[in-house]
Each structure stands twice: as structure tokens, then as C-alpha cells.
């Protein structure tokens, strides 16, 4: 695994991972897998699409994880109701 990618779930992070944290991890992953730090112009679209898709998948993963034995503040955040968007 790429050493630059950090664990994004509690208790490794004191707070919930931000969109910037998730995107940075996705970018590092795509860089590692592709072997390119920055893509050439003809690969930029597919590179950025991969970063977007991995960031979305990572956000879904983090949202779905159940952290057992977590710090009480983390468990409290998990129990808080999600505001109705409608």
C-alpha cells in the first residue's frame, strides 16, 4: 500500500474524514496504481474520473462502516439522526 494514504476512519482520525481527506487518498491511490504523479494531457480525463470514482466509493465505505469499541464521541456521532433532506 502507498505509504502516503492514511487511515480515514476513527479512531485513527479524531474527527470524521473530510472531502479533502478522501480526495487526497483517492488521488494517492490512482497515482500509485497508474504509476503517474500527474497524467499527460491525453490521460487527464480518465485519471480524474478514476480519482472521482474512488473518492465516491471511499465516502460510501466510510459512511457504511460500523466502528465497534470506538471512543464515546465517535459512537455518539454514529447515533445522531441524519437531518431530513426533504
PDB file of N, CA and C in Angstrom:
ATOM      1  N   UNK A   1       0.844  -1.184   0.000  1.00  0.00           N
ATOM      2  CA  UNK A   1       0.000   0.000   0.000  1.00  0.00           C
ATOM      3  C   UNK A   1       0.879   1.233   0.000  1.00  0.00           C
ATOM      4  N   UNK A   2       0.381   2.265  -0.611  1.00  0.00           N
ATOM      5  CA  UNK A   2       1.097   3.531  -0.661  1.00  0.00           C
ATOM      6  C   UNK A   2       1.197   4.117   0.746  1.00  0.00           C
ATOM      7  N   UNK A   3       2.359   4.474   1.142  1.00  0.00           N
ATOM      8  CA  UNK A   3       2.570   4.982   2.495  1.00  0.00           C
ATOM      9  C   UNK A   3       1.929   6.344   2.724  1.00  0.00           C
ATOM     10  N   UNK A   4       1.620   7.076   1.661  1.00  0.00           N
ATOM     11  CA  UNK A   4       1.032   8.402   1.807  1.00  0.00           C
ATOM     12  C   UNK A   4      -0.460   8.359   2.122  1.00  0.00           C
ATOM     13  N   UNK A   5      -1.082   7.214   1.946  1.00  0.00           N
ATOM     14  CA  UNK A   5      -2.508   7.100   2.222  1.00  0.00           C
ATOM     15  C   UNK A   5      -2.671   6.783   3.703  1.00  0.00           C
ATOM     16  N   UNK A   6      -3.424   7.636   4.396  1.00  0.00           N
ATOM     17  CA  UNK A   6      -3.617   7.420   5.830  1.00  0.00           C
ATOM     18  C   UNK A   6      -4.983   6.794   6.084  1.00  0.00           C
ATOM     19  N   UNK A   7      -5.114   6.189   7.255  1.00  0.00           N
ATOM     20  CA  UNK A   7      -6.394   5.619   7.665  1.00  0.00           C
ATOM     21  C   UNK A   7      -7.380   6.764   7.873  1.00  0.00           C
ATOM     22  N   UNK A   8      -8.569   6.632   7.305  1.00  0.00           N
ATOM     23  CA  UNK A   8      -9.549   7.723   7.336  1.00  0.00           C
ATOM     24  C   UNK A   8     -10.713   7.487   8.292  1.00  0.00           C
ATOM     25  N   UNK A   9     -10.677   6.413   9.053  1.00  0.00           N
ATOM     26  CA  UNK A   9     -11.789   6.155   9.965  1.00  0.00           C
ATOM     27  C   UNK A   9     -11.339   6.343  11.404  1.00  0.00           C
ATOM     28  N   UNK A  10     -12.302   6.638  12.281  1.00  0.00           N
ATOM     29  CA  UNK A  10     -11.970   6.715  13.701  1.00  0.00           C
ATOM     30  C   UNK A  10     -11.548   5.338  14.185  1.00  0.00           C
ATOM     31  N   UNK A  11     -10.731   5.199  15.143  1.00  0.00           N
ATOM     32  CA  UNK A  11     -10.121   6.248  15.945  1.00  0.00           C
ATOM     33  C   UNK A  11      -8.819   6.790  15.370  1.00  0.00           C
ATOM     34  N   UNK A  12      -8.426   6.369  14.159  1.00  0.00           N
ATOM     35  CA  UNK A  12      -7.184   6.877  13.569  1.00  0.00           C
ATOM     36  C   UNK A  12      -7.258   8.388  13.344  1.00  0.00           C
ATOM     37  N   UNK A  13      -8.413   8.879  12.968  1.00  0.00           N
ATOM     38  CA  UNK A  13      -8.640  10.325  12.861  1.00  0.00           C
ATOM     39  C   UNK A  13      -9.520  10.745  14.023  1.00  0.00           C
ATOM     40  N   UNK A  14      -9.196  11.853  14.667  1.00  0.00           N
ATOM     41  CA  UNK A  14     -10.018  12.289  15.795  1.00  0.00           C
ATOM     42  C   UNK A  14     -11.417  12.745  15.371  1.00  0.00           C
ATOM     43  N   UNK A  15     -11.545  13.194  14.151  1.00  0.00           N
ATOM     44  CA  UNK A  15     -12.827  13.650  13.612  1.00  0.00           C
ATOM     45  C   UNK A  15     -13.134  12.853  12.348  1.00  0.00           C
ATOM     46  N   UNK A  16     -14.326  13.035  11.836  1.00  0.00           N
ATOM     47  CA  UNK A  16     -14.722  12.383  10.598  1.00  0.00           C
ATOM     48  C   UNK A  16     -13.851  12.883   9.451  1.00  0.00           C
ATOM     49  N   UNK A  17     -13.526  12.006   8.519  1.00  0.00           N
ATOM     50  CA  UNK A  17     -12.716  12.385   7.359  1.00  0.00           C
ATOM     51  C   UNK A  17     -13.455  13.433   6.534  1.00  0.00           C
ATOM     52  N   UNK A  18     -12.727  14.426   6.072  1.00  0.00           N
ATOM     53  CA  UNK A  18     -13.318  15.468   5.235  1.00  0.00           C
ATOM     54  C   UNK A  18     -13.286  15.043   3.774  1.00  0.00           C
ATOM     55  N   UNK A  19     -14.007  15.772   2.934  1.00  0.00           N
ATOM     56  CA  UNK A  19     -13.960  15.505   1.497  1.00  0.00           C
ATOM     57  C   UNK A  19     -12.540  15.651   0.975  1.00  0.00           C
ATOM     58  N   UNK A  20     -11.796  16.629   1.513  1.00  0.00           N
ATOM     59  CA  UNK A  20     -10.407  16.813   1.097  1.00  0.00           C
ATOM     60  C   UNK A  20      -9.544  15.617   1.476  1.00  0.00           C
ATOM     61  N   UNK A  21      -9.750  15.070   2.688  1.00  0.00           N
ATOM     62  CA  UNK A  21      -9.015  13.873   3.119  1.00  0.00           C
ATOM     63  C   UNK A  21      -9.286  12.706   2.171  1.00  0.00           C
ATOM     64  N   UNK A  22     -10.561  12.517   1.846  1.00  0.00           N
ATOM     65  CA  UNK A  22     -10.974  11.403   0.990  1.00  0.00           C
ATOM     66  C   UNK A  22     -10.414  11.577  -0.416  1.00  0.00           C
ATOM     67  N   UNK A  23     -10.499  12.768  -0.951  1.00  0.00           N
ATOM     68  CA  UNK A  23      -9.984  13.023  -2.304  1.00  0.00           C
ATOM     69  C   UNK A  23      -8.465  12.855  -2.358  1.00  0.00           C
ATOM     70  N   UNK A  24      -7.762  13.310  -1.320  1.00  0.00           N
ATOM     71  CA  UNK A  24      -6.302  13.160  -1.292  1.00  0.00           C
ATOM     72  C   UNK A  24      -5.910  11.684  -1.287  1.00  0.00           C
ATOM     73  N   UNK A  25      -6.637  10.873  -0.536  1.00  0.00           N
ATOM     74  CA  UNK A  25      -6.355   9.433  -0.506  1.00  0.00           C
ATOM     75  C   UNK A  25      -6.648   8.806  -1.867  1.00  0.00           C
ATOM     76  N   UNK A  26      -7.740   9.211  -2.497  1.00  0.00           N
ATOM     77  CA  UNK A  26      -8.085   8.684  -3.824  1.00  0.00           C
ATOM     78  C   UNK A  26      -7.015   9.068  -4.847  1.00  0.00           C
ATOM     79  N   UNK A  27      -6.544  10.293  -4.784  1.00  0.00           N
ATOM     80  CA  UNK A  27      -5.502  10.751  -5.695  1.00  0.00           C
ATOM     81  C   UNK A  27      -4.218   9.941  -5.507  1.00  0.00           C
ATOM     82  N   UNK A  28      -3.832   9.711  -4.260  1.00  0.00           N
ATOM     83  CA  UNK A  28      -2.633   8.919  -3.993  1.00  0.00           C
ATOM     84  C   UNK A  28      -2.787   7.496  -4.535  1.00  0.00           C
ATOM     85  N   UNK A  29      -3.964   6.939  -4.366  1.00  0.00           N
ATOM     86  CA  UNK A  29      -4.225   5.584  -4.873  1.00  0.00           C
ATOM     87  C   UNK A  29      -4.077   5.536  -6.393  1.00  0.00           C
ATOM     88  N   UNK A  30      -4.710   6.482  -7.087  1.00  0.00           N
ATOM     89  CA  UNK A  30      -4.650   6.499  -8.550  1.00  0.00           C
ATOM     90  C   UNK A  30      -3.216   6.727  -9.021  1.00  0.00           C
ATOM     91  N   UNK A  31      -2.498   7.602  -8.342  1.00  0.00           N
ATOM     92  CA  UNK A  31      -1.091   7.814  -8.698  1.00  0.00           C
ATOM     93  C   UNK A  31      -0.283   6.534  -8.556  1.00  0.00           C
ATOM     94  N   UNK A  32      -0.510   5.823  -7.468  1.00  0.00           N
ATOM     95  CA  UNK A  32       0.235   4.590  -7.212  1.00  0.00           C
ATOM     96  C   UNK A  32      -0.088   3.522  -8.255  1.00  0.00           C
ATOM     97  N   UNK A  33      -1.370   3.321  -8.503  1.00  0.00           N
ATOM     98  CA  UNK A  33      -1.795   2.277  -9.434  1.00  0.00           C
ATOM     99  C   UNK A  33      -1.382   2.602 -10.869  1.00  0.00           C
ATOM    100  N   UNK A  34      -1.524   3.870 -11.274  1.00  0.00           N
ATOM    101  CA  UNK A  34      -1.207   4.252 -12.652  1.00  0.00           C
ATOM    102  C   UNK A  34       0.291   4.416 -12.885  1.00  0.00           C
ATOM    103  N   UNK A  35       1.017   4.716 -11.824  1.00  0.00           N
ATOM    104  CA  UNK A  35       2.449   4.975 -11.979  1.00  0.00           C
ATOM    105  C   UNK A  35       2.749   6.389 -12.427  1.00  0.00           C
ATOM    106  N   UNK A  36       1.733   7.243 -12.476  1.00  0.00           N
ATOM    107  CA  UNK A  36       1.909   8.636 -12.892  1.00  0.00           C
ATOM    108  C   UNK A  36       1.602   9.581 -11.735  1.00  0.00           C
ATOM    109  N   UNK A  37       2.511  10.508 -11.469  1.00  0.00           N
ATOM    110  CA  UNK A  37       2.236  11.533 -10.462  1.00  0.00           C
ATOM    111  C   UNK A  37       1.201  12.510 -11.008  1.00  0.00           C
ATOM    112  N   UNK A  38       1.373  12.866 -12.266  1.00  0.00           N
ATOM    113  CA  UNK A  38       0.421  13.728 -12.974  1.00  0.00           C
ATOM    114  C   UNK A  38       0.259  13.138 -14.373  1.00  0.00           C
ATOM    115  N   UNK A  39      -0.949  13.022 -14.853  1.00  0.00           N
ATOM    116  CA  UNK A  39      -1.157  12.395 -16.159  1.00  0.00           C
ATOM    117  C   UNK A  39      -0.805  13.342 -17.301  1.00  0.00           C
ATOM    118  N   UNK A  40      -0.464  12.757 -18.427  1.00  0.00           N
ATOM    119  CA  UNK A  40      -0.296  13.539 -19.646  1.00  0.00           C
ATOM    120  C   UNK A  40      -1.666  14.053 -20.068  1.00  0.00           C
ATOM    121  N   UNK A  41      -1.676  15.035 -20.897  1.00  0.00           N
ATOM    122  CA  UNK A  41      -2.938  15.651 -21.328  1.00  0.00           C
ATOM    123  C   UNK A  41      -3.908  14.618 -21.892  1.00  0.00           C
ATOM    124  N   UNK A  42      -3.412  13.642 -22.646  1.00  0.00           N
ATOM    125  CA  UNK A  42      -4.302  12.654 -23.266  1.00  0.00           C
ATOM    126  C   UNK A  42      -4.849  11.643 -22.251  1.00  0.00           C
ATOM    127  N   UNK A  43      -4.316  11.620 -21.030  1.00  0.00           N
ATOM    128  CA  UNK A  43      -4.812  10.726 -19.981  1.00  0.00           C
ATOM    129  C   UNK A  43      -5.517  11.463 -18.841  1.00  0.00           C
ATOM    130  N   UNK A  44      -5.558  12.763 -18.915  1.00  0.00           N
ATOM    131  CA  UNK A  44      -6.091  13.556 -17.803  1.00  0.00           C
ATOM    132  C   UNK A  44      -7.538  13.214 -17.468  1.00  0.00           C
ATOM    133  N   UNK A  45      -8.379  13.072 -18.478  1.00  0.00           N
ATOM    134  CA  UNK A  45      -9.806  12.802 -18.236  1.00  0.00           C
ATOM    135  C   UNK A  45     -10.018  11.479 -17.506  1.00  0.00           C
ATOM    136  N   UNK A  46      -9.372  10.415 -17.968  1.00  0.00           N
ATOM    137  CA  UNK A  46      -9.550   9.113 -17.338  1.00  0.00           C
ATOM    138  C   UNK A  46      -8.931   9.102 -15.930  1.00  0.00           C
ATOM    139  N   UNK A  47      -7.838   9.813 -15.755  1.00  0.00           N
ATOM    140  CA  UNK A  47      -7.184   9.915 -14.449  1.00  0.00           C
ATOM    141  C   UNK A  47      -8.118  10.604 -13.446  1.00  0.00           C
ATOM    142  N   UNK A  48      -8.670  11.749 -13.840  1.00  0.00           N
ATOM    143  CA  UNK A  48      -9.574  12.493 -12.956  1.00  0.00           C
ATOM    144  C   UNK A  48     -10.858  11.723 -12.676  1.00  0.00           C
ATOM    145  N   UNK A  49     -11.367  11.027 -13.680  1.00  0.00           N
ATOM    146  CA  UNK A  49     -12.571  10.218 -13.480  1.00  0.00           C
ATOM    147  C   UNK A  49     -12.301   9.110 -12.460  1.00  0.00           C
ATOM    148  N   UNK A  50     -11.133   8.496 -12.541  1.00  0.00           N
ATOM    149  CA  UNK A  50     -10.777   7.450 -11.583  1.00  0.00           C
ATOM    150  C   UNK A  50     -10.687   8.025 -10.171  1.00  0.00           C
ATOM    151  N   UNK A  51     -10.083   9.191 -10.020  1.00  0.00           N
ATOM    152  CA  UNK A  51      -9.997   9.827  -8.700  1.00  0.00           C
ATOM    153  C   UNK A  51     -11.400  10.096  -8.160  1.00  0.00           C
ATOM    154  N   UNK A  52     -12.281  10.633  -8.995  1.00  0.00           N
ATOM    155  CA  UNK A  52     -13.657  10.922  -8.565  1.00  0.00           C
ATOM    156  C   UNK A  52     -14.386   9.652  -8.125  1.00  0.00           C
ATOM    157  N   UNK A  53     -14.274   8.593  -8.917  1.00  0.00           N
ATOM    158  CA  UNK A  53     -14.980   7.349  -8.611  1.00  0.00           C
ATOM    159  C   UNK A  53     -14.438   6.699  -7.338  1.00  0.00           C
ATOM    160  N   UNK A  54     -13.147   6.736  -7.153  1.00  0.00           N
ATOM    161  CA  UNK A  54     -12.556   6.152  -5.944  1.00  0.00           C
ATOM    162  C   UNK A  54     -12.912   6.982  -4.722  1.00  0.00           C
ATOM    163  N   UNK A  55     -12.940   8.289  -4.864  1.00  0.00           N
ATOM    164  CA  UNK A  55     -13.340   9.152  -3.740  1.00  0.00           C
ATOM    165  C   UNK A  55     -14.792   8.862  -3.347  1.00  0.00           C
ATOM    166  N   UNK A  56     -15.667   8.691  -4.332  1.00  0.00           N
ATOM    167  CA  UNK A  56     -17.074   8.379  -4.045  1.00  0.00           C
ATOM    168  C   UNK A  56     -17.203   7.027  -3.355  1.00  0.00           C
ATOM    169  N   UNK A  57     -16.483   6.037  -3.849  1.00  0.00           N
ATOM    170  CA  UNK A  57     -16.529   4.706  -3.235  1.00  0.00           C
ATOM    171  C   UNK A  57     -15.980   4.744  -1.814  1.00  0.00           C
ATOM    172  N   UNK A  58     -14.942   5.518  -1.597  1.00  0.00           N
ATOM    173  CA  UNK A  58     -14.352   5.653  -0.257  1.00  0.00           C
ATOM    174  C   UNK A  58     -15.329   6.309   0.702  1.00  0.00           C
ATOM    175  N   UNK A  59     -16.013   7.344   0.252  1.00  0.00           N
ATOM    176  CA  UNK A  59     -17.003   8.020   1.098  1.00  0.00           C
ATOM    177  C   UNK A  59     -18.129   7.050   1.476  1.00  0.00           C
ATOM    178  N   UNK A  60     -18.594   6.245   0.504  1.00  0.00           N
ATOM    179  CA  UNK A  60     -19.634   5.255   0.801  1.00  0.00           C
ATOM    180  C   UNK A  60     -19.137   4.216   1.804  1.00  0.00           C
ATOM    181  N   UNK A  61     -17.910   3.778   1.629  1.00  0.00           N
ATOM    182  CA  UNK A  61     -17.327   2.812   2.557  1.00  0.00           C
ATOM    183  C   UNK A  61     -17.278   3.380   3.968  1.00  0.00           C
ATOM    184  N   UNK A  62     -16.751   4.586   4.108  1.00  0.00           N
ATOM    185  CA  UNK A  62     -16.635   5.192   5.439  1.00  0.00           C
ATOM    186  C   UNK A  62     -18.008   5.423   6.069  1.00  0.00           C
ATOM    187  N   UNK A  63     -18.983   5.814   5.255  1.00  0.00           N
ATOM    188  CA  UNK A  63     -20.343   6.026   5.767  1.00  0.00           C
ATOM    189  C   UNK A  63     -20.974   4.728   6.258  1.00  0.00           C
ATOM    190  N   UNK A  64     -20.598   3.620   5.640  1.00  0.00           N
ATOM    191  CA  UNK A  64     -21.213   2.345   5.983  1.00  0.00           C
ATOM    192  C   UNK A  64     -20.511   1.556   7.073  1.00  0.00           C
ATOM    193  N   UNK A  65     -19.303   1.946   7.423  1.00  0.00           N
ATOM    194  CA  UNK A  65     -18.566   1.190   8.441  1.00  0.00           C
ATOM    195  C   UNK A  65     -19.183   1.355   9.822  1.00  0.00           C
ATOM    196  N   UNK A  66     -19.223   0.274  10.555  1.00  0.00           N
ATOM    197  CA  UNK A  66     -19.646   0.299  11.953  1.00  0.00           C
ATOM    198  C   UNK A  66     -18.388   0.107  12.789  1.00  0.00           C
ATOM    199  N   UNK A  67     -18.051   1.109  13.570  1.00  0.00           N
ATOM    200  CA  UNK A  67     -16.836   1.069  14.378  1.00  0.00           C
ATOM    201  C   UNK A  67     -17.216   0.639  15.794  1.00  0.00           C
ATOM    202  N   UNK A  68     -16.887  -0.585  16.118  1.00  0.00           N
ATOM    203  CA  UNK A  68     -17.202  -1.110  17.453  1.00  0.00           C
ATOM    204  C   UNK A  68     -16.046  -0.819  18.392  1.00  0.00           C
ATOM    205  N   UNK A  69     -16.385  -0.556  19.649  1.00  0.00           N
ATOM    206  CA  UNK A  69     -15.355  -0.276  20.640  1.00  0.00           C
ATOM    207  C   UNK A  69     -14.702   1.078  20.423  1.00  0.00           C
ATOM    208  N   UNK A  70     -15.359   1.946  19.658  1.00  0.00           N
ATOM    209  CA  UNK A  70     -14.804   3.261  19.371  1.00  0.00           C
ATOM    210  C   UNK A  70     -14.934   4.172  20.583  1.00  0.00           C
ATOM    211  N   UNK A  71     -14.219   5.249  20.543  1.00  0.00           N
ATOM    212  CA  UNK A  71     -14.286   6.274  21.576  1.00  0.00           C
ATOM    213  C   UNK A  71     -15.727   6.749  21.702  1.00  0.00           C
ATOM    214  N   UNK A  72     -16.213   7.090  22.907  1.00  0.00           N
ATOM    215  CA  UNK A  72     -17.613   7.502  23.095  1.00  0.00           C
ATOM    216  C   UNK A  72     -18.068   8.624  22.176  1.00  0.00           C
ATOM    217  N   UNK A  73     -17.196   9.578  21.853  1.00  0.00           N
ATOM    218  CA  UNK A  73     -17.591  10.678  20.964  1.00  0.00           C
ATOM    219  C   UNK A  73     -17.899  10.153  19.570  1.00  0.00           C
ATOM    220  N   UNK A  74     -17.174   9.140  19.127  1.00  0.00           N
ATOM    221  CA  UNK A  74     -17.420   8.545  17.814  1.00  0.00           C
ATOM    222  C   UNK A  74     -18.747   7.815  17.836  1.00  0.00           C
ATOM    223  N   UNK A  75     -19.016   7.043  18.892  1.00  0.00           N
ATOM    224  CA  UNK A  75     -20.291   6.320  18.980  1.00  0.00           C
ATOM    225  C   UNK A  75     -21.451   7.305  19.018  1.00  0.00           C
ATOM    226  N   UNK A  76     -21.302   8.435  19.707  1.00  0.00           N
ATOM    227  CA  UNK A  76     -22.368   9.441  19.786  1.00  0.00           C
ATOM    228  C   UNK A  76     -22.676   9.982  18.391  1.00  0.00           C
ATOM    229  N   UNK A  77     -21.650  10.303  17.587  1.00  0.00           N
ATOM    230  CA  UNK A  77     -21.871  10.810  16.228  1.00  0.00           C
ATOM    231  C   UNK A  77     -22.614   9.792  15.388  1.00  0.00           C
ATOM    232  N   UNK A  78     -22.307   8.491  15.601  1.00  0.00           N
ATOM    233  CA  UNK A  78     -22.967   7.445  14.824  1.00  0.00           C
ATOM    234  C   UNK A  78     -24.442   7.349  15.156  1.00  0.00           C
ATOM    235  N   UNK A  79     -24.829   7.674  16.385  1.00  0.00           N
ATOM    236  CA  UNK A  79     -26.224   7.558  16.811  1.00  0.00           C
ATOM    237  C   UNK A  79     -27.053   8.791  16.466  1.00  0.00           C
ATOM    238  N   UNK A  80     -26.393   9.914  16.185  1.00  0.00           N
ATOM    239  CA  UNK A  80     -27.143  11.140  15.908  1.00  0.00           C
ATOM    240  C   UNK A  80     -27.958  10.964  14.645  1.00  0.00           C
ATOM    241  N   UNK A  81     -29.224  11.385  14.664  1.00  0.00           N
ATOM    242  CA  UNK A  81     -30.071  11.239  13.473  1.00  0.00           C
ATOM    243  C   UNK A  81     -29.568  12.129  12.341  1.00  0.00           C
ATOM    244  N   UNK A  82     -29.729  11.645  11.126  1.00  0.00           N
ATOM    245  CA  UNK A  82     -29.355  12.415   9.950  1.00  0.00           C
ATOM    246  C   UNK A  82     -30.506  13.352   9.641  1.00  0.00           C
ATOM    247  N   UNK A  83     -30.229  14.664   9.455  1.00  0.00           N
ATOM    248  CA  UNK A  83     -31.311  15.613   9.131  1.00  0.00           C
ATOM    249  C   UNK A  83     -32.019  15.223   7.853  1.00  0.00           C
ATOM    250  N   UNK A  84     -33.336  15.426   7.826  1.00  0.00           N
ATOM    251  CA  UNK A  84     -34.139  15.104   6.658  1.00  0.00           C
ATOM    252  C   UNK A  84     -33.821  16.118   5.548  1.00  0.00           C
ATOM    253  N   UNK A  85     -33.429  15.614   4.390  1.00  0.00           N
ATOM    254  CA  UNK A  85     -33.059  16.485   3.281  1.00  0.00           C
ATOM    255  C   UNK A  85     -34.282  16.975   2.506  1.00  0.00           C
ATOM    256  N   UNK A  86     -35.448  16.438   2.812  1.00  0.00           N
ATOM    257  CA  UNK A  86     -36.629  16.771   2.017  1.00  0.00           C
ATOM    258  C   UNK A  86     -37.502  17.732   2.607  1.00  0.00           C
TER     259      UNK A  86
END
